[in-house]
Amino acid sequence: MKICRACSGRGLITLRLLPELSVTESFVESAMMSEHKDFPCPACSPSAPAERVSFVTTEGRVLIDHAVVRPDYVNHVKLRMAGDIGRHMLEQGHITFTERMEDPDLEFGRTPRKILTGKVGVITAGQVTTMDERAAIHQERLAIEVINEATYAINLWGSYFGHKDISKEIACREVRAALQAVLKRRESAK
């Protein structure tokens, strides 16, 4: 598996939010207190979250005899189903319309016409991640964050006193503390 060069496989990039400068504080002080926020990686996150997508489905039944004898019948059913989906999308407000008048430079005596344009946004099914895929991605990202936090804490432990070894008990405590720190940071980022 190839690791993304933009996010190192996290699926997220962390950007520093620009600080608000006041008259009393210097740029250095405000930069030190600046906040950070995680965003989906633009290089390796092609999927749209399912909660931002509206799914419309319809079902049609085709008698086997008709499908075998008349292949056009299956196409007729598909067109009918597409009409049902379009009607539902229209009723739900997923299709927007704009109106404008035809170009005013008309031939003499011709009645002007109104031009109606319909627009709908579509995301292909392959671009929408399933709930299981999203849960797996979320678990992997959480695990990577906890590992990084715990590794940092364990490497830092005892460095002031020159200790090179760490007991299993303290290492486990650092892993639990790393998990709590990551969860708290994620909660405050919401």
Foldseek 3Di string as FASTA:
>chain_A
DDADPQPRNLQKDKDWDDFDDDPPDDPVVRSVVTDIAIDGDPVPQQADEPVVDDDDADDDDDDPVCCVVPVVVVVVRVVVRVVVRVVVCVVVVQKDKDKDKDDPPDDPPDDIDIDIDIDGDDDDPVRHDDPVVVVVSVVVSLVVQLVVQLVVVVCPPCVVVPDDDDDPVVSVVSSVVSSVVSVVVVVVND
